[in-house]
């Protein structure tokens, strides 16, 4: 895989091979909004490494019998969880920051 997992580089035929899914299934997931690959000027779909992982997750959930709406909800909750983890990490970095702020309420400003 490329260093940047968000870069769309895989054509639908390659994405289908990497995920073990039929290209028509990938088109269906796109129509349903489960995985939204980028499009070239010719309207060809290009999938990123992240899209490939997402397709594998959708496929796994579908194979386990989860409905499309259930898959949507699970993916939304996973996104929310990731966002909350990022916020928590940012808070932890801020809390453990070694910066020092001095404030002296006794000192008056000169007019």
Protein backbone atom coordinates (compact mmCIF):
# COMPACT_ATOMS: atom_id res chain seq x y z
CA UNK A 1 0.00 0.00 0.00
CA UNK A 2 0.99 3.61 -0.46
CA UNK A 3 2.26 5.74 2.39
CA UNK A 4 -0.93 7.81 2.30
CA UNK A 5 -3.93 5.53 2.82
CA UNK A 6 -6.30 8.32 1.76
CA UNK A 7 -4.89 8.65 -1.78
CA UNK A 8 -7.29 7.13 -4.32
CA UNK A 9 -5.20 4.84 -6.52
CA UNK A 10 -7.12 1.60 -7.11
CA UNK A 11 -9.48 1.14 -10.06
CA UNK A 12 -12.66 -0.79 -9.38
CA UNK A 13 -11.22 -4.00 -10.87
CA UNK A 14 -8.21 -3.85 -8.54
CA UNK A 15 -10.38 -2.93 -5.55
CA UNK A 16 -12.60 -5.92 -6.34
CA UNK A 17 -9.58 -8.24 -6.40
CA UNK A 18 -8.17 -6.81 -3.16
CA UNK A 19 -11.47 -7.23 -1.32
CA UNK A 20 -12.68 -10.43 -2.93
CA UNK A 21 -15.91 -8.69 -3.95
CA UNK A 22 -17.53 -8.45 -7.36
CA UNK A 23 -17.26 -5.02 -9.05
CA UNK A 24 -21.06 -4.82 -9.12
CA UNK A 25 -21.08 -5.19 -5.33
CA UNK A 26 -18.67 -2.26 -5.08
CA UNK A 27 -20.96 -0.18 -7.30
CA UNK A 28 -23.91 -1.13 -5.11
CA UNK A 29 -22.07 -0.12 -1.92
CA UNK A 30 -21.26 3.20 -3.62
CA UNK A 31 -24.92 3.75 -4.59
CA UNK A 32 -25.96 2.96 -1.01
CA UNK A 33 -23.40 5.44 0.33
CA UNK A 34 -21.51 2.86 2.39
CA UNK A 35 -18.20 3.44 0.59
CA UNK A 36 -17.76 6.55 -1.53
CA UNK A 37 -14.68 6.34 -3.77
CA UNK A 38 -13.39 9.40 -5.56
CA UNK A 39 -14.18 9.85 -9.23
CA UNK A 40 -11.90 10.72 -12.12
CA UNK A 41 -12.97 13.17 -14.82
CA UNK A 42 -14.29 10.20 -16.77
CA UNK A 43 -16.45 9.26 -13.76
CA UNK A 44 -14.36 6.15 -13.07
CA UNK A 45 -14.19 5.17 -9.42
CA UNK A 46 -10.82 5.25 -7.65
CA UNK A 47 -10.48 3.61 -4.25
CA UNK A 48 -7.97 4.46 -1.53
CA UNK A 49 -6.38 2.09 0.96
CA UNK A 50 -8.92 3.32 3.52
CA UNK A 51 -11.74 2.54 1.09
CA UNK A 52 -10.38 -0.99 0.67
CA UNK A 53 -10.37 -1.53 4.44
CA UNK A 54 -13.87 -0.09 4.68
CA UNK A 55 -15.07 -2.41 1.90
CA UNK A 56 -13.64 -5.37 3.80
CA UNK A 57 -15.44 -4.24 6.96
CA UNK A 58 -18.75 -3.80 5.12
CA UNK A 59 -18.31 -7.22 3.52
CA UNK A 60 -17.58 -8.83 6.89
CA UNK A 61 -20.60 -7.22 8.54
CA UNK A 62 -22.84 -8.22 5.62
CA UNK A 63 -21.59 -11.80 5.80
CA UNK A 64 -22.49 -11.82 9.51
CA UNK A 65 -26.06 -10.93 8.59
CA UNK A 66 -26.05 -7.25 9.53
CA UNK A 67 -28.57 -5.24 7.51
CA UNK A 68 -27.54 -2.26 5.36
CA UNK A 69 -29.00 0.16 7.92
CA UNK A 70 -27.18 -1.70 10.67
CA UNK A 71 -23.93 -1.42 8.73
CA UNK A 72 -24.51 2.32 8.25
CA UNK A 73 -25.07 2.75 12.00
CA UNK A 74 -22.01 0.68 12.92
CA UNK A 75 -19.82 2.70 10.52
CA UNK A 76 -21.21 5.98 11.90
CA UNK A 77 -20.50 4.85 15.47
CA UNK A 78 -16.96 3.79 14.51
CA UNK A 79 -16.37 7.24 12.98
CA UNK A 80 -17.74 8.90 16.11
CA UNK A 81 -15.54 6.74 18.32
CA UNK A 82 -12.46 7.63 16.28
CA UNK A 83 -13.33 11.33 16.51
CA UNK A 84 -13.77 11.10 20.28
CA UNK A 85 -10.43 9.29 20.61
CA UNK A 86 -8.76 12.08 18.63
CA UNK A 87 -10.36 14.69 20.90
CA UNK A 88 -9.27 12.79 24.00
CA UNK A 89 -5.71 12.52 22.70
CA UNK A 90 -5.66 16.27 21.97
CA UNK A 91 -6.97 16.98 25.46
CA UNK A 92 -4.34 14.71 27.02
CA UNK A 93 -1.58 16.47 25.06
CA UNK A 94 -2.90 19.85 26.17
CA UNK A 95 -3.23 18.75 29.79
CA UNK A 96 0.32 17.42 29.95
CA UNK A 97 1.76 20.43 28.16
CA UNK A 98 4.83 21.89 29.84
CA UNK A 99 4.02 25.48 28.87
CA UNK A 100 3.91 27.95 31.70
CA UNK A 101 1.55 30.90 31.87
CA UNK A 102 2.24 33.63 34.41
CA UNK A 103 -0.52 35.80 35.68
CA UNK A 104 -0.21 38.38 38.38
CA UNK A 105 -3.55 39.86 39.47
CA UNK A 106 -1.78 42.34 41.78
CA UNK A 107 0.01 44.13 39.00
CA UNK A 108 -1.85 47.12 37.61
CA UNK A 109 -1.56 48.54 34.15
CA UNK A 110 -0.23 52.07 33.87
CA UNK A 111 -2.48 54.60 32.21
